[in-house]
Amino acid sequence: MLVLSEESVKEFIQGDKVFVKVYADNCPYCTRLDEQMERVSLIGYECGMLKVSHPMDKNPQPSEFKRTWMRQDKSDVVKDSVPALFVFERGELKQRHFGMLYADSLQHWLETGTVIPSKIQQAEKEAADRKQKLITLFAQRGELTYNIDLMNTKLGEINKGIAELIK
């Protein structure tokens, strides 16, 4: 993947079918995205990556690319989010996405322009849901066990009272 500068990216996006990854140093999601991109077919794309300042940098550097292409729709607000992915055709922005994508979602996005939940993300969500249900069930079981102990204690007191009255 070609490393781009603020100057070279202007010419680079004029290509026929161009993929640009915008990233920052010390961005864990950018690193995770690199791992996913290795599993995706980028055949037919000229590929480049542009390093920008991380939103949390103490001295962020201005970026013309960010000001031009990372604006939120219908506003002047720049989306200061990395990683960001762009597809250009002859200088025209065709697709963009802000954030990390797993390989299956990234491949679908490249082919259709829409993002779908990844199978990995779905599995992670299902596992998290199962874990939460287990926590809830264990909490309910603990509460019931505590209540049974209280009831047994109270029942013992009642039985003792009855036994004393029957004597």
Foldseek 3Di string as FASTA:
>chain_A
DAEDELVRVQVQLQAAKEKEKEAEPPDVLQVVQVVQVVVADPPPYDYYYYYFYQPPDPDGDDHPCQQPPQDDPPDSDGDRAPGKMFIHGSNHTDEIDGTHDHNVQVNCCVVPVDGDHDPVNVVVVVVVVVVVVVVVVVVVVVVVVVVVVVVVVVVVVVVVVVVVVVD
